[in-house]
PDB file of N, CA and C in Angstrom:
ATOM      1  N   MET A   1      70.908 221.099-180.380  1.00  0.00           N
ATOM      2  CA  MET A   1      70.288 219.437-180.254  1.00  0.00           C
ATOM      3  C   MET A   1      69.432 219.392-180.624  1.00  0.00           C
ATOM      4  N   ASP A   2      69.351 218.124-181.586  1.00  0.00           N
ATOM      5  CA  ASP A   2      67.838 217.612-182.010  1.00  0.00           C
ATOM      6  C   ASP A   2      67.046 216.827-180.699  1.00  0.00           C
ATOM      7  N   ASN A   3      66.082 216.494-181.017  1.00  0.00           N
ATOM      8  CA  ASN A   3      65.266 215.611-180.301  1.00  0.00           C
ATOM      9  C   ASN A   3      65.632 214.183-179.783  1.00  0.00           C
ATOM     10  N   ARG A   4      66.069 213.691-180.930  1.00  0.00           N
ATOM     11  CA  ARG A   4      66.996 212.210-180.581  1.00  0.00           C
ATOM     12  C   ARG A   4      68.024 212.340-179.610  1.00  0.00           C
ATOM     13  N   SER A   5      69.049 213.367-180.030  1.00  0.00           N
ATOM     14  CA  SER A   5      70.424 213.355-179.205  1.00  0.00           C
ATOM     15  C   SER A   5      69.816 214.151-177.808  1.00  0.00           C
ATOM     16  N   THR A   6      68.710 214.994-177.673  1.00  0.00           N
ATOM     17  CA  THR A   6      68.226 215.267-176.267  1.00  0.00           C
ATOM     18  C   THR A   6      67.472 214.189-175.482  1.00  0.00           C
ATOM     19  N   ALA A   7      66.750 213.214-175.930  1.00  0.00           N
ATOM     20  CA  ALA A   7      66.485 212.029-175.564  1.00  0.00           C
ATOM     21  C   ALA A   7      67.174 210.862-175.137  1.00  0.00           C
ATOM     22  N   ILE A   8      68.710 211.006-176.105  1.00  0.00           N
ATOM     23  CA  ILE A   8      69.501 209.985-175.717  1.00  0.00           C
ATOM     24  C   ILE A   8      70.370 210.640-174.264  1.00  0.00           C
ATOM     25  N   SER A   9      70.823 212.081-174.280  1.00  0.00           N
ATOM     26  CA  SER A   9      71.151 212.428-173.256  1.00  0.00           C
ATOM     27  C   SER A   9      70.711 212.496-171.658  1.00  0.00           C
ATOM     28  N   ALA A  10      69.436 212.412-171.986  1.00  0.00           N
ATOM     29  CA  ALA A  10      68.180 212.564-170.673  1.00  0.00           C
ATOM     30  C   ALA A  10      68.303 211.073-170.468  1.00  0.00           C
ATOM     31  N   VAL A  11      68.571 209.950-170.964  1.00  0.00           N
ATOM     32  CA  VAL A  11      68.254 208.583-170.414  1.00  0.00           C
ATOM     33  C   VAL A  11      70.068 208.451-170.200  1.00  0.00           C
ATOM     34  N   GLU A  12      70.957 208.972-170.877  1.00  0.00           N
ATOM     35  CA  GLU A  12      72.388 209.070-170.258  1.00  0.00           C
ATOM     36  C   GLU A  12      72.267 209.457-168.777  1.00  0.00           C
ATOM     37  N   VAL A  13      71.921 210.411-168.402  1.00  0.00           N
ATOM     38  CA  VAL A  13      71.640 211.329-167.497  1.00  0.00           C
ATOM     39  C   VAL A  13      70.891 210.504-166.809  1.00  0.00           C
ATOM     40  N   ALA A  14      70.085 209.557-166.926  1.00  0.00           N
ATOM     41  CA  ALA A  14      69.185 208.755-165.706  1.00  0.00           C
ATOM     42  C   ALA A  14      70.092 207.624-165.102  1.00  0.00           C
ATOM     43  N   ASP A  15      70.513 207.395-166.447  1.00  0.00           N
ATOM     44  CA  ASP A  15      71.420 206.231-165.909  1.00  0.00           C
ATOM     45  C   ASP A  15      72.744 206.325-165.206  1.00  0.00           C
ATOM     46  N   ASP A  16      73.194 207.791-165.562  1.00  0.00           N
ATOM     47  CA  ASP A  16      74.218 207.893-164.635  1.00  0.00           C
ATOM     48  C   ASP A  16      73.845 208.094-162.987  1.00  0.00           C
ATOM     49  N   ARG A  17      72.603 208.804-162.818  1.00  0.00           N
ATOM     50  CA  ARG A  17      72.496 208.806-161.727  1.00  0.00           C
ATOM     51  C   ARG A  17      72.017 207.604-161.106  1.00  0.00           C
ATOM     52  N   ALA A  18      71.323 206.693-161.722  1.00  0.00           N
ATOM     53  CA  ALA A  18      71.037 205.350-161.213  1.00  0.00           C
ATOM     54  C   ALA A  18      72.603 204.639-160.813  1.00  0.00           C
ATOM     55  N   GLU A  19      73.416 204.834-161.355  1.00  0.00           N
ATOM     56  CA  GLU A  19      74.403 204.174-161.408  1.00  0.00           C
ATOM     57  C   GLU A  19      75.462 204.640-160.059  1.00  0.00           C
ATOM     58  N   ILE A  20      75.073 206.582-159.632  1.00  0.00           N
ATOM     59  CA  ILE A  20      75.644 207.170-158.471  1.00  0.00           C
ATOM     60  C   ILE A  20      75.179 206.999-157.448  1.00  0.00           C
ATOM     61  N   THR A  21      73.494 206.471-157.606  1.00  0.00           N
ATOM     62  CA  THR A  21      72.706 206.274-156.376  1.00  0.00           C
ATOM     63  C   THR A  21      73.022 204.954-155.672  1.00  0.00           C
ATOM     64  N   ALA A  22      73.052 204.001-156.621  1.00  0.00           N
ATOM     65  CA  ALA A  22      73.955 202.700-156.509  1.00  0.00           C
ATOM     66  C   ALA A  22      74.659 202.583-155.884  1.00  0.00           C
ATOM     67  N   ALA A  23      76.195 203.110-156.128  1.00  0.00           N
ATOM     68  CA  ALA A  23      77.278 203.526-155.665  1.00  0.00           C
ATOM     69  C   ALA A  23      77.410 203.986-154.115  1.00  0.00           C
ATOM     70  N   VAL A  24      76.410 204.978-154.219  1.00  0.00           N
ATOM     71  CA  VAL A  24      76.551 205.544-152.516  1.00  0.00           C
ATOM     72  C   VAL A  24      75.851 204.550-152.105  1.00  0.00           C
ATOM     73  N   LYS A  25      75.042 203.913-152.072  1.00  0.00           N
ATOM     74  CA  LYS A  25      74.098 203.139-151.231  1.00  0.00           C
ATOM     75  C   LYS A  25      75.163 202.309-150.634  1.00  0.00           C
ATOM     76  N   ALA A  26      76.080 201.609-151.665  1.00  0.00           N
ATOM     77  CA  ALA A  26      76.950 200.505-151.211  1.00  0.00           C
ATOM     78  C   ALA A  26      78.013 201.135-150.744  1.00  0.00           C
ATOM     79  N   ALA A  27      78.491 202.282-150.715  1.00  0.00           N
ATOM     80  CA  ALA A  27      79.682 203.014-149.827  1.00  0.00           C
ATOM     81  C   ALA A  27      78.748 203.077-148.360  1.00  0.00           C
ATOM     82  N   LYS A  28      77.793 203.482-148.366  1.00  0.00           N
ATOM     83  CA  LYS A  28      77.196 203.431-146.779  1.00  0.00           C
ATOM     84  C   LYS A  28      76.751 202.188-145.982  1.00  0.00           C
ATOM     85  N   ALA A  29      76.647 201.434-146.691  1.00  0.00           N
ATOM     86  CA  ALA A  29      76.412 199.851-146.200  1.00  0.00           C
ATOM     87  C   ALA A  29      77.830 199.555-145.786  1.00  0.00           C
ATOM     88  N   PHE A  30      78.909 199.929-146.707  1.00  0.00           N
ATOM     89  CA  PHE A  30      80.324 199.539-146.704  1.00  0.00           C
ATOM     90  C   PHE A  30      80.645 200.219-145.148  1.00  0.00           C
ATOM     91  N   ARG A  31      80.519 201.078-145.057  1.00  0.00           N
ATOM     92  CA  ARG A  31      80.593 202.196-144.134  1.00  0.00           C
ATOM     93  C   ARG A  31      80.028 201.719-142.987  1.00  0.00           C
ATOM     94  N   ASP A  32      78.633 201.521-142.640  1.00  0.00           N
ATOM     95  CA  ASP A  32      78.023 200.664-141.760  1.00  0.00           C
ATOM     96  C   ASP A  32      78.573 199.482-141.201  1.00  0.00           C
ATOM     97  N   LYS A  33      78.606 198.571-142.077  1.00  0.00           N
ATOM     98  CA  LYS A  33      79.595 197.412-141.927  1.00  0.00           C
ATOM     99  C   LYS A  33      81.076 197.761-141.023  1.00  0.00           C
ATOM    100  N   LEU A  34      81.893 198.300-141.238  1.00  0.00           N
ATOM    101  CA  LEU A  34      83.145 198.884-140.802  1.00  0.00           C
ATOM    102  C   LEU A  34      82.666 199.650-139.605  1.00  0.00           C
ATOM    103  N   GLU A  35      81.962 200.423-139.578  1.00  0.00           N
ATOM    104  CA  GLU A  35      81.192 200.810-137.959  1.00  0.00           C
ATOM    105  C   GLU A  35      80.904 200.410-136.988  1.00  0.00           C
ATOM    106  N   ALA A  36      80.300 198.970-137.609  1.00  0.00           N
ATOM    107  CA  ALA A  36      79.746 197.976-136.836  1.00  0.00           C
ATOM    108  C   ALA A  36      80.700 196.868-136.232  1.00  0.00           C
ATOM    109  N   ALA A  37      81.804 197.154-136.730  1.00  0.00           N
ATOM    110  CA  ALA A  37      83.035 196.048-136.594  1.00  0.00           C
ATOM    111  C   ALA A  37      84.221 197.245-135.690  1.00  0.00           C
ATOM    112  N   GLY A  38      83.758 198.383-135.344  1.00  0.00           N
ATOM    113  CA  GLY A  38      84.315 198.973-134.595  1.00  0.00           C
ATOM    114  C   GLY A  38      85.985 199.849-135.468  1.00  0.00           C
ATOM    115  N   ILE A  39      85.452 199.910-136.488  1.00  0.00           N
ATOM    116  CA  ILE A  39      87.014 200.130-137.416  1.00  0.00           C
ATOM    117  C   ILE A  39      86.135 201.499-138.388  1.00  0.00           C
ATOM    118  N   SER A  40      86.725 203.095-138.011  1.00  0.00           N
ATOM    119  CA  SER A  40      86.745 203.988-139.157  1.00  0.00           C
ATOM    120  C   SER A  40      87.079 203.704-140.664  1.00  0.00           C
ATOM    121  N   TYR A  41      86.786 204.458-141.416  1.00  0.00           N
ATOM    122  CA  TYR A  41      87.128 204.245-142.652  1.00  0.00           C
ATOM    123  C   TYR A  41      88.847 205.094-142.601  1.00  0.00           C
ATOM    124  N   HIS A  42      88.943 205.842-141.918  1.00  0.00           N
ATOM    125  CA  HIS A  42      90.326 206.494-142.130  1.00  0.00           C
ATOM    126  C   HIS A  42      91.368 205.223-141.089  1.00  0.00           C
ATOM    127  N   LYS A  43      90.740 204.358-140.233  1.00  0.00           N
ATOM    128  CA  LYS A  43      91.797 203.322-139.674  1.00  0.00           C
ATOM    129  C   LYS A  43      91.689 202.437-140.810  1.00  0.00           C
ATOM    130  N   LEU A  44      90.998 201.900-141.617  1.00  0.00           N
ATOM    131  CA  LEU A  44      91.138 200.827-142.627  1.00  0.00           C
ATOM    132  C   LEU A  44      91.876 201.315-143.740  1.00  0.00           C
ATOM    133  N   LEU A  45      92.059 202.565-143.995  1.00  0.00           N
ATOM    134  CA  LEU A  45      92.855 203.092-145.184  1.00  0.00           C
ATOM    135  C   LEU A  45      94.136 202.976-144.510  1.00  0.00           C
ATOM    136  N   THR A  46      94.438 202.990-143.324  1.00  0.00           N
ATOM    137  CA  THR A  46      95.670 203.108-142.469  1.00  0.00           C
ATOM    138  C   THR A  46      96.218 201.512-142.417  1.00  0.00           C
ATOM    139  N   LEU A  47      95.309 200.672-142.060  1.00  0.00           N
ATOM    140  CA  LEU A  47      95.757 199.673-142.190  1.00  0.00           C
ATOM    141  C   LEU A  47      96.102 198.878-143.556  1.00  0.00           C
ATOM    142  N   GLU A  48      95.379 199.185-144.789  1.00  0.00           N
ATOM    143  CA  GLU A  48      95.301 199.115-145.986  1.00  0.00           C
ATOM    144  C   GLU A  48      97.004 199.391-146.438  1.00  0.00           C
ATOM    145  N   GLU A  49      97.286 200.784-145.844  1.00  0.00           N
ATOM    146  CA  GLU A  49      98.651 201.596-146.169  1.00  0.00           C
ATOM    147  C   GLU A  49      99.700 200.477-145.786  1.00  0.00           C
ATOM    148  N   ALA A  50      99.297 199.615-144.494  1.00  0.00           N
ATOM    149  CA  ALA A  50     100.440 199.248-143.834  1.00  0.00           C
ATOM    150  C   ALA A  50     100.578 197.881-144.296  1.00  0.00           C
ATOM    151  N   ARG A  51      99.306 197.364-145.022  1.00  0.00           N
ATOM    152  CA  ARG A  51      99.068 195.808-145.614  1.00  0.00           C
ATOM    153  C   ARG A  51     100.296 196.159-146.765  1.00  0.00           C
ATOM    154  N   ARG A  52     100.125 196.953-147.751  1.00  0.00           N
ATOM    155  CA  ARG A  52     101.250 197.444-149.043  1.00  0.00           C
ATOM    156  C   ARG A  52     102.517 197.446-148.537  1.00  0.00           C
ATOM    157  N   ASP A  53     102.566 198.429-147.792  1.00  0.00           N
ATOM    158  CA  ASP A  53     104.053 198.621-146.998  1.00  0.00           C
ATOM    159  C   ASP A  53     104.361 197.132-146.760  1.00  0.00           C
ATOM    160  N   MET A  54     104.100 196.091-146.011  1.00  0.00           N
ATOM    161  CA  MET A  54     104.619 194.718-145.531  1.00  0.00           C
ATOM    162  C   MET A  54     104.468 194.015-147.222  1.00  0.00           C
ATOM    163  N   ASN A  55     103.596 194.169-147.771  1.00  0.00           N
ATOM    164  CA  ASN A  55     103.899 193.434-149.462  1.00  0.00           C
ATOM    165  C   ASN A  55     105.335 193.739-149.617  1.00  0.00           C
ATOM    166  N   ASP A  56     105.452 195.172-149.934  1.00  0.00           N
ATOM    167  CA  ASP A  56     106.419 195.799-150.396  1.00  0.00           C
ATOM    168  C   ASP A  56     107.704 195.364-150.032  1.00  0.00           C
ATOM    169  N   LEU A  57     107.647 195.155-148.771  1.00  0.00           N
ATOM    170  CA  LEU A  57     109.012 194.576-147.779  1.00  0.00           C
ATOM    171  C   LEU A  57     109.181 193.156-148.112  1.00  0.00           C
ATOM    172  N   ALA A  58     108.397 192.139-148.078  1.00  0.00           N
ATOM    173  CA  ALA A  58     108.321 190.956-148.449  1.00  0.00           C
ATOM    174  C   ALA A  58     109.001 190.783-150.091  1.00  0.00           C
ATOM    175  N   HIS A  59     108.279 191.973-150.858  1.00  0.00           N
ATOM    176  CA  HIS A  59     109.035 191.217-152.175  1.00  0.00           C
ATOM    177  C   HIS A  59     110.273 191.872-152.395  1.00  0.00           C
ATOM    178  N   HIS A  60     110.511 192.932-151.479  1.00  0.00           N
ATOM    179  CA  HIS A  60     112.184 193.273-151.641  1.00  0.00           C
ATOM    180  C   HIS A  60     113.142 192.027-151.035  1.00  0.00           C
ATOM    181  N   ILE A  61     112.524 191.300-149.733  1.00  0.00           N
ATOM    182  CA  ILE A  61     113.218 190.685-148.765  1.00  0.00           C
ATOM    183  C   ILE A  61     113.686 189.249-149.916  1.00  0.00           C
ATOM    184  N   LEU A  62     112.488 188.804-150.886  1.00  0.00           N
ATOM    185  CA  LEU A  62     112.539 187.616-151.806  1.00  0.00           C
ATOM    186  C   LEU A  62     113.492 187.889-152.883  1.00  0.00           C
ATOM    187  N   LEU A  63     113.291 189.212-153.556  1.00  0.00           N
ATOM    188  CA  LEU A  63     114.467 190.187-154.716  1.00  0.00           C
ATOM    189  C   LEU A  63     115.487 189.890-154.407  1.00  0.00           C
ATOM    190  N   GLY A  64     116.427 190.205-152.557  1.00  0.00           N
ATOM    191  CA  GLY A  64     117.529 189.922-152.735  1.00  0.00           C
ATOM    192  C   GLY A  64     117.725 188.592-152.258  1.00  0.00           C
ATOM    193  N   TRP A  65     117.131 187.375-151.713  1.00  0.00           N
ATOM    194  CA  TRP A  65     117.103 186.252-151.993  1.00  0.00           C
ATOM    195  C   TRP A  65     117.638 185.647-152.956  1.00  0.00           C
ATOM    196  N   GLU A  66     117.069 185.957-154.056  1.00  0.00           N
ATOM    197  CA  GLU A  66     116.884 185.682-155.167  1.00  0.00           C
ATOM    198  C   GLU A  66     118.235 186.454-155.949  1.00  0.00           C
ATOM    199  N   ASN A  67     118.753 187.186-155.533  1.00  0.00           N
ATOM    200  CA  ASN A  67     119.868 187.796-155.903  1.00  0.00           C
ATOM    201  C   ASN A  67     121.172 187.279-155.280  1.00  0.00           C
ATOM    202  N   GLY A  68     120.791 186.429-154.026  1.00  0.00           N
ATOM    203  CA  GLY A  68     122.229 185.679-153.731  1.00  0.00           C
ATOM    204  C   GLY A  68     122.288 186.582-152.298  1.00  0.00           C
ATOM    205  N   GLU A  69     121.952 187.780-151.899  1.00  0.00           N
ATOM    206  CA  GLU A  69     121.929 188.325-150.809  1.00  0.00           C
ATOM    207  C   GLU A  69     121.897 188.035-149.375  1.00  0.00           C
ATOM    208  N   GLY A  70     120.726 187.033-149.563  1.00  0.00           N
ATOM    209  CA  GLY A  70     120.596 186.090-148.279  1.00  0.00           C
ATOM    210  C   GLY A  70     119.222 187.098-147.669  1.00  0.00           C
ATOM    211  N   PHE A  71     118.783 186.578-146.650  1.00  0.00           N
ATOM    212  CA  PHE A  71     117.906 187.038-145.873  1.00  0.00           C
ATOM    213  C   PHE A  71     118.381 188.453-144.917  1.00  0.00           C
ATOM    214  N   PRO A  72     117.441 189.428-144.300  1.00  0.00           N
ATOM    215  CA  PRO A  72     118.061 189.981-143.744  1.00  0.00           C
ATOM    216  C   PRO A  72     118.390 189.974-142.230  1.00  0.00           C
ATOM    217  N   HIS A  73     118.105 188.803-141.969  1.00  0.00           N
ATOM    218  CA  HIS A  73     119.032 188.460-140.304  1.00  0.00           C
ATOM    219  C   HIS A  73     120.355 187.704-140.458  1.00  0.00           C
ATOM    220  N   GLU A  74     120.619 187.269-141.583  1.00  0.00           N
ATOM    221  CA  GLU A  74     121.914 186.396-142.082  1.00  0.00           C
ATOM    222  C   GLU A  74     123.032 187.820-142.119  1.00  0.00           C
TER     223      GLU A  74
END
């Protein structure tokens, strides 16, 4: 590597480190907000999975209705 590419690489590494540091800071702040609300990150993931499941269920119910199958209780 020549001096120019070394300098560019050093700048890229510094930029990457700054981005990683900012991301870690944001993640810690988010975790602190969750903990203040009494929710663990694991619980949040569980809730998000349940939300996706409900969204999929609603999607399939609507598809069934559009295809003339009626609603599940019918």
